[in-house]
C-alpha atoms as a PDB file:
ATOM      1  CA  MET A   1      76.866   4.621   5.312  1.00  0.00           C
ATOM      2  CA  GLU A   2      80.256   6.197   5.516  1.00  0.00           C
ATOM      3  CA  ASN A   3      81.523   7.031   8.973  1.00  0.00           C
ATOM      4  CA  THR A   4      84.351   9.437   9.714  1.00  0.00           C
ATOM      5  CA  ASN A   5      86.385  10.015  12.846  1.00  0.00           C
ATOM      6  CA  ASN A   6      84.956  13.504  13.219  1.00  0.00           C
ATOM      7  CA  SER A   7      82.397  13.973  15.969  1.00  0.00           C
ATOM      8  CA  HIS A   8      78.993  15.072  14.709  1.00  0.00           C
ATOM      9  CA  THR A   9      77.093  17.362  17.072  1.00  0.00           C
ATOM     10  CA  LEU A  10      73.752  19.050  16.502  1.00  0.00           C
ATOM     11  CA  ASP A  11      73.757  22.728  17.397  1.00  0.00           C
ATOM     12  CA  HIS A  12      70.863  24.667  18.898  1.00  0.00           C
ATOM     13  CA  LYS A  13      70.057  26.377  15.583  1.00  0.00           C
ATOM     14  CA  THR A  14      69.636  23.079  13.754  1.00  0.00           C
ATOM     15  CA  LEU A  15      67.500  21.596  16.505  1.00  0.00           C
ATOM     16  CA  THR A  16      65.303  24.693  16.596  1.00  0.00           C
ATOM     17  CA  LYS A  17      64.825  24.548  12.834  1.00  0.00           C
ATOM     18  CA  SER A  18      63.825  20.901  13.084  1.00  0.00           C
ATOM     19  CA  PHE A  19      61.375  21.681  15.872  1.00  0.00           C
ATOM     20  CA  HIS A  20      59.761  24.524  13.921  1.00  0.00           C
ATOM     21  CA  ARG A  21      59.260  22.253  10.935  1.00  0.00           C
ATOM     22  CA  TRP A  22      57.435  19.763  13.134  1.00  0.00           C
ATOM     23  CA  PHE A  23      55.429  22.438  14.930  1.00  0.00           C
ATOM     24  CA  TRP A  24      54.175  24.059  11.729  1.00  0.00           C
ATOM     25  CA  GLY A  25      54.110  21.013   9.471  1.00  0.00           C
ATOM     26  CA  ALA A  26      53.406  17.887  11.509  1.00  0.00           C
ATOM     27  CA  LEU A  27      50.251  17.295   9.452  1.00  0.00           C
ATOM     28  CA  THR A  28      51.778  18.267   6.096  1.00  0.00           C
ATOM     29  CA  CYS A  29      50.306  16.255   3.187  1.00  0.00           C
ATOM     30  CA  PHE A  30      48.158  14.367   5.685  1.00  0.00           C
ATOM     31  CA  SER A  31      46.355  11.354   4.230  1.00  0.00           C
ATOM     32  CA  GLN A  32      44.939   8.072   5.475  1.00  0.00           C
ATOM     33  CA  GLU A  33      47.862   6.259   3.884  1.00  0.00           C
ATOM     34  CA  HIS A  34      50.745   8.328   5.276  1.00  0.00           C
ATOM     35  CA  MET A  35      49.241  10.597   7.962  1.00  0.00           C
ATOM     36  CA  GLN A  36      52.214  12.341   9.665  1.00  0.00           C
ATOM     37  CA  THR A  37      54.974  10.615   7.675  1.00  0.00           C
ATOM     38  CA  PHE A  38      55.847  13.583   5.470  1.00  0.00           C
ATOM     39  CA  GLY A  39      55.701  16.057   8.330  1.00  0.00           C
ATOM     40  CA  TYR A  40      58.146  13.856  10.219  1.00  0.00           C
ATOM     41  CA  MET A  41      60.477  13.627   7.242  1.00  0.00           C
ATOM     42  CA  ALA A  42      60.423  17.397   6.794  1.00  0.00           C
ATOM     43  CA  SER A  43      61.367  17.923  10.442  1.00  0.00           C
ATOM     44  CA  MET A  44      64.324  15.541  10.105  1.00  0.00           C
ATOM     45  CA  LEU A  45      65.820  17.158   6.999  1.00  0.00           C
ATOM     46  CA  PRO A  46      67.792  19.846   8.909  1.00  0.00           C
ATOM     47  CA  ILE A  47      69.140  17.113  11.220  1.00  0.00           C
ATOM     48  CA  LEU A  48      70.289  14.890   8.370  1.00  0.00           C
ATOM     49  CA  ARG A  49      71.838  17.750   6.421  1.00  0.00           C
ATOM     50  CA  LYS A  50      73.845  18.750   9.470  1.00  0.00           C
ATOM     51  CA  LEU A  51      75.015  15.247  10.360  1.00  0.00           C
ATOM     52  CA  TYR A  52      75.701  13.924   6.843  1.00  0.00           C
ATOM     53  CA  PRO A  53      77.483  16.378   4.517  1.00  0.00           C
ATOM     54  CA  LYS A  54      77.334  13.950   1.578  1.00  0.00           C
ATOM     55  CA  HIS A  55      74.076  13.832  -0.351  1.00  0.00           C
ATOM     56  CA  GLU A  56      74.152  10.041  -0.775  1.00  0.00           C
ATOM     57  CA  ASP A  57      74.415   9.613   3.018  1.00  0.00           C
ATOM     58  CA  GLN A  58      71.423  11.890   3.488  1.00  0.00           C
ATOM     59  CA  VAL A  59      69.414   9.793   1.031  1.00  0.00           C
ATOM     60  CA  LYS A  60      70.277   6.593   2.916  1.00  0.00           C
ATOM     61  CA  ALA A  61      69.428   8.124   6.288  1.00  0.00           C
ATOM     62  CA  ILE A  62      66.059   9.562   5.246  1.00  0.00           C
ATOM     63  CA  LYS A  63      64.796   6.096   4.275  1.00  0.00           C
ATOM     64  CA  ALA A  64      64.355   5.295   7.969  1.00  0.00           C
ATOM     65  CA  TYR A  65      61.595   7.916   8.118  1.00  0.00           C
ATOM     66  CA  THR A  66      59.535   6.862   5.111  1.00  0.00           C
ATOM     67  CA  ALA A  67      57.533   4.343   7.157  1.00  0.00           C
ATOM     68  CA  PHE A  68      54.019   5.140   8.334  1.00  0.00           C
ATOM     69  CA  PHE A  69      53.843   7.396  11.384  1.00  0.00           C
ATOM     70  CA  ASN A  70      50.919   8.798  13.351  1.00  0.00           C
ATOM     71  CA  THR A  71      50.574   9.909  16.959  1.00  0.00           C
ATOM     72  CA  ASN A  72      49.337  12.856  18.995  1.00  0.00           C
ATOM     73  CA  PRO A  73      51.017  15.780  17.177  1.00  0.00           C
ATOM     74  CA  MET A  74      51.612  17.809  20.341  1.00  0.00           C
ATOM     75  CA  LEU A  75      53.151  15.201  22.645  1.00  0.00           C
ATOM     76  CA  GLY A  76      54.614  13.440  19.611  1.00  0.00           C
ATOM     77  CA  THR A  77      57.203  16.218  19.528  1.00  0.00           C
ATOM     78  CA  VAL A  78      59.189  14.275  22.114  1.00  0.00           C
ATOM     79  CA  ILE A  79      59.599  11.421  19.613  1.00  0.00           C
ATOM     80  CA  VAL A  80      61.155  13.789  17.082  1.00  0.00           C
ATOM     81  CA  GLY A  81      63.574  15.009  19.754  1.00  0.00           C
ATOM     82  CA  ILE A  82      64.518  11.429  20.691  1.00  0.00           C
ATOM     83  CA  THR A  83      65.008  10.635  17.012  1.00  0.00           C
ATOM     84  CA  ALA A  84      67.381  13.585  16.628  1.00  0.00           C
ATOM     85  CA  SER A  85      69.450  12.235  19.521  1.00  0.00           C
ATOM     86  CA  MET A  86      69.521   8.727  18.066  1.00  0.00           C
ATOM     87  CA  GLU A  87      70.407  10.035  14.610  1.00  0.00           C
ATOM     88  CA  GLN A  88      73.302  11.954  16.094  1.00  0.00           C
ATOM     89  CA  ALA A  89      74.524   8.783  17.810  1.00  0.00           C
ATOM     90  CA  ARG A  90      74.225   6.873  14.525  1.00  0.00           C
ATOM     91  CA  ALA A  91      76.261   9.524  12.707  1.00  0.00           C
ATOM     92  CA  ASN A  92      78.974   9.162  15.357  1.00  0.00           C
ATOM     93  CA  GLY A  93      79.330   5.443  14.766  1.00  0.00           C
ATOM     94  CA  LYS A  94      77.066   4.048  17.474  1.00  0.00           C
ATOM     95  CA  GLU A  95      75.420   0.673  16.805  1.00  0.00           C
ATOM     96  CA  ILE A  96      72.144   2.235  15.698  1.00  0.00           C
ATOM     97  CA  ASP A  97      70.663   1.648  12.271  1.00  0.00           C
ATOM     98  CA  GLY A  98      67.569   2.811  10.466  1.00  0.00           C
ATOM     99  CA  GLU A  99      65.596  -0.221  11.606  1.00  0.00           C
ATOM    100  CA  THR A 100      66.364   0.548  15.256  1.00  0.00           C
ATOM    101  CA  ILE A 101      65.172   4.133  14.840  1.00  0.00           C
ATOM    102  CA  ASN A 102      62.042   3.016  13.035  1.00  0.00           C
ATOM    103  CA  ASP A 103      61.291   0.426  15.733  1.00  0.00           C
ATOM    104  CA  MET A 104      61.588   3.168  18.339  1.00  0.00           C
ATOM    105  CA  ARG A 105      59.160   5.402  16.446  1.00  0.00           C
ATOM    106  CA  ALA A 106      56.679   2.561  15.972  1.00  0.00           C
ATOM    107  CA  GLY A 107      56.959   1.592  19.631  1.00  0.00           C
ATOM    108  CA  LEU A 108      56.278   5.106  20.884  1.00  0.00           C
ATOM    109  CA  MET A 109      53.400   5.993  18.547  1.00  0.00           C
ATOM    110  CA  GLY A 110      50.784   4.185  20.624  1.00  0.00           C
ATOM    111  CA  PRO A 111      51.879   5.208  24.140  1.00  0.00           C
ATOM    112  CA  ILE A 112      52.333   8.850  23.136  1.00  0.00           C
ATOM    113  CA  ALA A 113      48.967   8.880  21.359  1.00  0.00           C
ATOM    114  CA  GLY A 114      47.282   7.444  24.446  1.00  0.00           C
ATOM    115  CA  ILE A 115      48.863   9.978  26.784  1.00  0.00           C
ATOM    116  CA  GLY A 116      48.424  12.895  24.386  1.00  0.00           C
ATOM    117  CA  ASP A 117      44.792  12.226  23.497  1.00  0.00           C
ATOM    118  CA  SER A 118      43.875  11.933  27.182  1.00  0.00           C
ATOM    119  CA  LEU A 119      45.975  14.842  28.399  1.00  0.00           C
ATOM    120  CA  ILE A 120      45.503  17.301  25.520  1.00  0.00           C
ATOM    121  CA  ASP A 121      42.176  16.453  23.863  1.00  0.00           C
ATOM    122  CA  GLY A 122      40.483  15.028  26.942  1.00  0.00           C
ATOM    123  CA  THR A 123      41.784  17.331  29.674  1.00  0.00           C
ATOM    124  CA  LEU A 124      43.582  20.500  28.577  1.00  0.00           C
ATOM    125  CA  ILE A 125      41.298  21.569  25.733  1.00  0.00           C
ATOM    126  CA  PRO A 126      38.041  21.035  27.715  1.00  0.00           C
ATOM    127  CA  ILE A 127      39.504  23.073  30.594  1.00  0.00           C
ATOM    128  CA  LEU A 128      40.478  25.933  28.265  1.00  0.00           C
ATOM    129  CA  LEU A 129      37.099  25.793  26.533  1.00  0.00           C
ATOM    130  CA  GLY A 130      35.290  25.798  29.879  1.00  0.00           C
ATOM    131  CA  ILE A 131      37.158  28.940  30.947  1.00  0.00           C
ATOM    132  CA  SER A 132      36.573  30.538  27.543  1.00  0.00           C
ATOM    133  CA  LEU A 133      32.842  29.820  27.602  1.00  0.00           C
ATOM    134  CA  GLY A 134      32.579  31.439  31.012  1.00  0.00           C
ATOM    135  CA  MET A 135      34.385  34.540  29.729  1.00  0.00           C
ATOM    136  CA  SER A 136      32.133  34.672  26.649  1.00  0.00           C
ATOM    137  CA  SER A 137      28.900  35.141  28.573  1.00  0.00           C
ATOM    138  CA  GLY A 138      26.865  38.000  27.208  1.00  0.00           C
ATOM    139  CA  GLY A 139      28.565  37.789  23.812  1.00  0.00           C
ATOM    140  CA  SER A 140      31.965  38.993  25.029  1.00  0.00           C
ATOM    141  CA  PRO A 141      34.854  38.249  22.624  1.00  0.00           C
ATOM    142  CA  LEU A 142      37.286  37.817  25.523  1.00  0.00           C
ATOM    143  CA  GLY A 143      36.632  34.093  25.700  1.00  0.00           C
ATOM    144  CA  ALA A 144      37.672  33.487  22.092  1.00  0.00           C
ATOM    145  CA  ILE A 145      40.724  35.733  22.464  1.00  0.00           C
ATOM    146  CA  PHE A 146      41.753  33.969  25.665  1.00  0.00           C
ATOM    147  CA  TYR A 147      41.442  30.526  24.083  1.00  0.00           C
ATOM    148  CA  ILE A 148      43.466  31.462  20.995  1.00  0.00           C
ATOM    149  CA  VAL A 149      46.265  33.123  22.946  1.00  0.00           C
ATOM    150  CA  ALA A 150      46.398  30.468  25.689  1.00  0.00           C
ATOM    151  CA  TRP A 151      46.380  27.568  23.236  1.00  0.00           C
ATOM    152  CA  VAL A 152      49.081  29.044  20.994  1.00  0.00           C
ATOM    153  CA  LEU A 153      51.389  29.762  23.935  1.00  0.00           C
ATOM    154  CA  ILE A 154      50.851  26.366  25.556  1.00  0.00           C
ATOM    155  CA  ALA A 155      51.205  24.501  22.256  1.00  0.00           C
ATOM    156  CA  TYR A 156      54.388  26.288  21.163  1.00  0.00           C
ATOM    157  CA  PHE A 157      56.340  26.387  24.414  1.00  0.00           C
ATOM    158  CA  GLY A 158      55.030  22.998  25.527  1.00  0.00           C
ATOM    159  CA  GLN A 159      56.118  21.306  22.319  1.00  0.00           C
ATOM    160  CA  ARG A 160      59.456  23.141  22.341  1.00  0.00           C
ATOM    161  CA  PHE A 161      60.117  21.879  25.855  1.00  0.00           C
ATOM    162  CA  LEU A 162      59.210  18.311  24.872  1.00  0.00           C
ATOM    163  CA  TYR A 163      61.422  18.392  21.778  1.00  0.00           C
ATOM    164  CA  PHE A 164      64.565  19.456  23.585  1.00  0.00           C
ATOM    165  CA  ARG A 165      63.783  17.239  26.574  1.00  0.00           C
ATOM    166  CA  GLY A 166      63.461  14.261  24.242  1.00  0.00           C
ATOM    167  CA  TYR A 167      66.767  15.186  22.596  1.00  0.00           C
ATOM    168  CA  ARG A 168      68.531  15.317  25.977  1.00  0.00           C
ATOM    169  CA  PHE A 169      66.993  12.120  27.316  1.00  0.00           C
ATOM    170  CA  GLY A 170      67.431  10.114  24.140  1.00  0.00           C
ATOM    171  CA  GLY A 171      67.021   6.405  24.766  1.00  0.00           C
ATOM    172  CA  GLN A 172      66.163   6.887  28.449  1.00  0.00           C
ATOM    173  CA  ALA A 173      62.830   8.436  27.470  1.00  0.00           C
ATOM    174  CA  VAL A 174      61.934   5.355  25.429  1.00  0.00           C
ATOM    175  CA  SER A 175      62.310   3.052  28.441  1.00  0.00           C
ATOM    176  CA  PHE A 176      60.064   5.279  30.537  1.00  0.00           C
ATOM    177  CA  LEU A 177      57.295   5.795  28.006  1.00  0.00           C
ATOM    178  CA  VAL A 178      56.865   2.145  27.031  1.00  0.00           C
ATOM    179  CA  GLY A 179      57.419   0.683  30.507  1.00  0.00           C
ATOM    180  CA  LYS A 180      55.179   0.236  33.534  1.00  0.00           C
ATOM    181  CA  GLN A 181      55.603   3.861  34.576  1.00  0.00           C
ATOM    182  CA  GLY A 182      54.325   5.056  31.209  1.00  0.00           C
ATOM    183  CA  ALA A 183      51.309   2.748  31.433  1.00  0.00           C
ATOM    184  CA  ALA A 184      50.520   4.097  34.911  1.00  0.00           C
ATOM    185  CA  VAL A 185      50.781   7.679  33.649  1.00  0.00           C
ATOM    186  CA  ARG A 186      48.443   6.957  30.741  1.00  0.00           C
ATOM    187  CA  HIS A 187      45.918   5.302  33.064  1.00  0.00           C
ATOM    188  CA  ALA A 188      46.002   8.204  35.552  1.00  0.00           C
ATOM    189  CA  ILE A 189      45.671  10.828  32.845  1.00  0.00           C
ATOM    190  CA  GLY A 190      42.767   8.907  31.318  1.00  0.00           C
ATOM    191  CA  ILE A 191      40.909   8.996  34.629  1.00  0.00           C
ATOM    192  CA  VAL A 192      41.537  12.719  35.088  1.00  0.00           C
ATOM    193  CA  GLY A 193      40.487  13.382  31.503  1.00  0.00           C
ATOM    194  CA  SER A 194      37.209  11.520  31.998  1.00  0.00           C
ATOM    195  CA  MET A 195      36.497  13.554  35.138  1.00  0.00           C
ATOM    196  CA  VAL A 196      37.178  16.820  33.316  1.00  0.00           C
ATOM    197  CA  VAL A 197      34.955  15.875  30.376  1.00  0.00           C
ATOM    198  CA  GLY A 198      32.202  14.884  32.807  1.00  0.00           C
ATOM    199  CA  GLY A 199      32.489  18.229  34.591  1.00  0.00           C
ATOM    200  CA  VAL A 200      32.362  20.183  31.337  1.00  0.00           C
ATOM    201  CA  LEU A 201      29.398  18.081  30.218  1.00  0.00           C
ATOM    202  CA  ALA A 202      27.449  18.811  33.407  1.00  0.00           C
ATOM    203  CA  SER A 203      28.251  22.524  33.219  1.00  0.00           C
ATOM    204  CA  TRP A 204      27.673  23.332  29.544  1.00  0.00           C
ATOM    205  CA  VAL A 205      25.412  20.660  28.015  1.00  0.00           C
ATOM    206  CA  ASN A 206      21.722  20.781  28.843  1.00  0.00           C
ATOM    207  CA  VAL A 207      19.172  18.721  26.917  1.00  0.00           C
ATOM    208  CA  THR A 208      15.552  19.163  27.942  1.00  0.00           C
ATOM    209  CA  THR A 209      12.158  18.350  26.460  1.00  0.00           C
ATOM    210  CA  SER A 210       9.156  20.614  26.063  1.00  0.00           C
ATOM    211  CA  LEU A 211       6.669  17.762  25.660  1.00  0.00           C
ATOM    212  CA  LYS A 212       3.471  18.314  27.597  1.00  0.00           C
ATOM    213  CA  LEU A 213       0.217  16.407  27.477  1.00  0.00           C
ATOM    214  CA  TYR A 214      -3.079  18.264  27.966  1.00  0.00           C
ATOM    215  CA  GLY A 215      -6.376  16.948  29.270  1.00  0.00           C
ATOM    216  CA  SER A 216      -9.827  17.585  27.868  1.00  0.00           C
ATOM    217  CA  ASN A 217     -10.116  20.633  30.112  1.00  0.00           C
ATOM    218  CA  GLY A 218      -7.042  22.191  28.472  1.00  0.00           C
ATOM    219  CA  LYS A 219      -4.835  21.810  31.529  1.00  0.00           C
ATOM    220  CA  VAL A 220      -1.471  20.077  31.554  1.00  0.00           C
ATOM    221  CA  PHE A 221      -1.674  16.673  33.209  1.00  0.00           C
ATOM    222  CA  LEU A 222       1.834  15.510  32.214  1.00  0.00           C
ATOM    223  CA  ASN A 223       4.955  17.639  32.003  1.00  0.00           C
ATOM    224  CA  LEU A 224       7.571  15.141  30.858  1.00  0.00           C
ATOM    225  CA  GLN A 225      10.560  17.260  31.853  1.00  0.00           C
ATOM    226  CA  ASP A 226       9.256  17.709  35.400  1.00  0.00           C
ATOM    227  CA  LYS A 227       8.725  13.955  35.686  1.00  0.00           C
ATOM    228  CA  LEU A 228      12.250  13.261  34.429  1.00  0.00           C
ATOM    229  CA  ASN A 229      13.708  15.784  36.859  1.00  0.00           C
ATOM    230  CA  SER A 230      11.964  14.055  39.753  1.00  0.00           C
ATOM    231  CA  ILE A 231      13.431  10.711  38.704  1.00  0.00           C
ATOM    232  CA  TYR A 232      16.887  11.630  37.358  1.00  0.00           C
ATOM    233  CA  PRO A 233      17.829  15.294  36.765  1.00  0.00           C
ATOM    234  CA  GLY A 234      19.776  15.647  33.532  1.00  0.00           C
ATOM    235  CA  LEU A 235      18.682  12.238  32.242  1.00  0.00           C
ATOM    236  CA  LEU A 236      18.273  13.397  28.631  1.00  0.00           C
ATOM    237  CA  THR A 237      21.735  14.974  28.700  1.00  0.00           C
ATOM    238  CA  VAL A 238      23.245  11.701  29.881  1.00  0.00           C
ATOM    239  CA  LEU A 239      21.340   9.694  27.269  1.00  0.00           C
ATOM    240  CA  ILE A 240      22.452  11.965  24.428  1.00  0.00           C
ATOM    241  CA  THR A 241      26.042  11.808  25.663  1.00  0.00           C
ATOM    242  CA  LEU A 242      25.967   8.006  25.853  1.00  0.00           C
ATOM    243  CA  PHE A 243      24.418   7.906  22.399  1.00  0.00           C
ATOM    244  CA  CYS A 244      27.279  10.000  20.981  1.00  0.00           C
ATOM    245  CA  TRP A 245      29.814   7.824  22.790  1.00  0.00           C
ATOM    246  CA  TRP A 246      28.169   4.695  21.365  1.00  0.00           C
ATOM    247  CA  LEU A 247      28.242   6.077  17.831  1.00  0.00           C
ATOM    248  CA  MET A 248      31.885   7.164  17.945  1.00  0.00           C
ATOM    249  CA  THR A 249      33.316   4.307  20.026  1.00  0.00           C
ATOM    250  CA  LYS A 250      31.286   1.258  19.100  1.00  0.00           C
ATOM    251  CA  LYS A 251      30.145   2.159  15.586  1.00  0.00           C
ATOM    252  CA  HIS A 252      33.247   4.206  14.671  1.00  0.00           C
ATOM    253  CA  VAL A 253      31.181   7.111  13.383  1.00  0.00           C
ATOM    254  CA  SER A 254      33.242  10.268  12.849  1.00  0.00           C
ATOM    255  CA  ALA A 255      32.658  13.407  14.900  1.00  0.00           C
ATOM    256  CA  ILE A 256      31.275  15.245  11.856  1.00  0.00           C
ATOM    257  CA  TRP A 257      28.689  12.543  11.131  1.00  0.00           C
ATOM    258  CA  THR A 258      27.791  12.396  14.816  1.00  0.00           C
ATOM    259  CA  MET A 259      27.057  16.125  14.789  1.00  0.00           C
ATOM    260  CA  LEU A 260      24.966  15.759  11.637  1.00  0.00           C
ATOM    261  CA  ILE A 261      22.975  12.959  13.288  1.00  0.00           C
ATOM    262  CA  LEU A 262      22.341  15.219  16.280  1.00  0.00           C
ATOM    263  CA  VAL A 263      21.127  17.975  13.944  1.00  0.00           C
ATOM    264  CA  VAL A 264      18.671  15.552  12.301  1.00  0.00           C
ATOM    265  CA  ILE A 265      17.431  14.354  15.705  1.00  0.00           C
ATOM    266  CA  SER A 266      16.962  17.962  16.803  1.00  0.00           C
ATOM    267  CA  LEU A 267      14.978  18.871  13.686  1.00  0.00           C
ATOM    268  CA  ILE A 268      12.716  15.848  14.032  1.00  0.00           C
ATOM    269  CA  GLY A 269      12.290  16.557  17.739  1.00  0.00           C
ATOM    270  CA  VAL A 270      11.238  20.142  17.054  1.00  0.00           C
ATOM    271  CA  LEU A 271       8.764  19.057  14.384  1.00  0.00           C
ATOM    272  CA  LEU A 272       7.208  16.505  16.753  1.00  0.00           C
ATOM    273  CA  GLY A 273       7.088  18.994  19.620  1.00  0.00           C
ATOM    274  CA  PHE A 274       9.578  17.066  21.752  1.00  0.00           C
ATOM    275  CA  PHE A 275      12.126  19.895  21.693  1.00  0.00           C
ATOM    276  CA  ASN A 276      11.479  23.619  21.886  1.00  0.00           C
ATOM    277  CA  PRO A 277      14.159  25.719  20.137  1.00  0.00           C
ATOM    278  CA  GLY A 278      12.959  28.776  22.063  1.00  0.00           C
ATOM    279  CA  LEU A 279      12.488  30.844  18.908  1.00  0.00           C
ATOM    280  CA  SER A 280       9.794  33.461  18.532  1.00  0.00           C
ATOM    281  CA  TYR A 281       8.589  34.973  15.275  1.00  0.00           C
END
């Protein structure tokens, strides 16, 4: 790739355009084969056009981003920012090639996914949903409005911060995220995320049974739910949760199929009298 003596610098406008392409199109043309590859390429186009005026240089540079890529789309923004910094260094003659950039992306996919899934999906979203559910009591639309507004603001400004922070840190961010400090952060966030999910589970999920056994005199001699409460309150809720975890973690069943299985179990339970939907006709 041709290198000139002119210094190539990315301006704020170009970086912002690249960020917006990632924010709106990280999952563009998503498939099991490519996942976020095309979204990544689209976000890098403004960077490459700014750094390499010649079309043939742009074509050579974009090849580094054709490899498979997939990570947490929100925290993954920092990888795009780091890439922009590395691409700028490559355009200025630094000893960085496409393979180095691709190795960096591949090395950060896993750590960022681990941190992002725990922090965003396992902690932030359950907290926002818990607040929203509380605000939605009595059918109020405030909960839904709060969640939409809060999520959009956090997602946009959070990802914008990560993008420009990654651009400023450059290679320093790579050392942190893949080192011992990054592993400690992922472990800590995972613990906090598990605690949050457990709290949301205890607050908003309640599985009970209506099964009662009657004697010959017509009186109830066994109320199963009362017996379960005396042994382990919330036992059915825990069992259902562990069942869902087993399906998704051990059997790799998707969330959609897990929900469908729960629907089938609920229908069968209602038909057998184990569950009471609480409907009156």
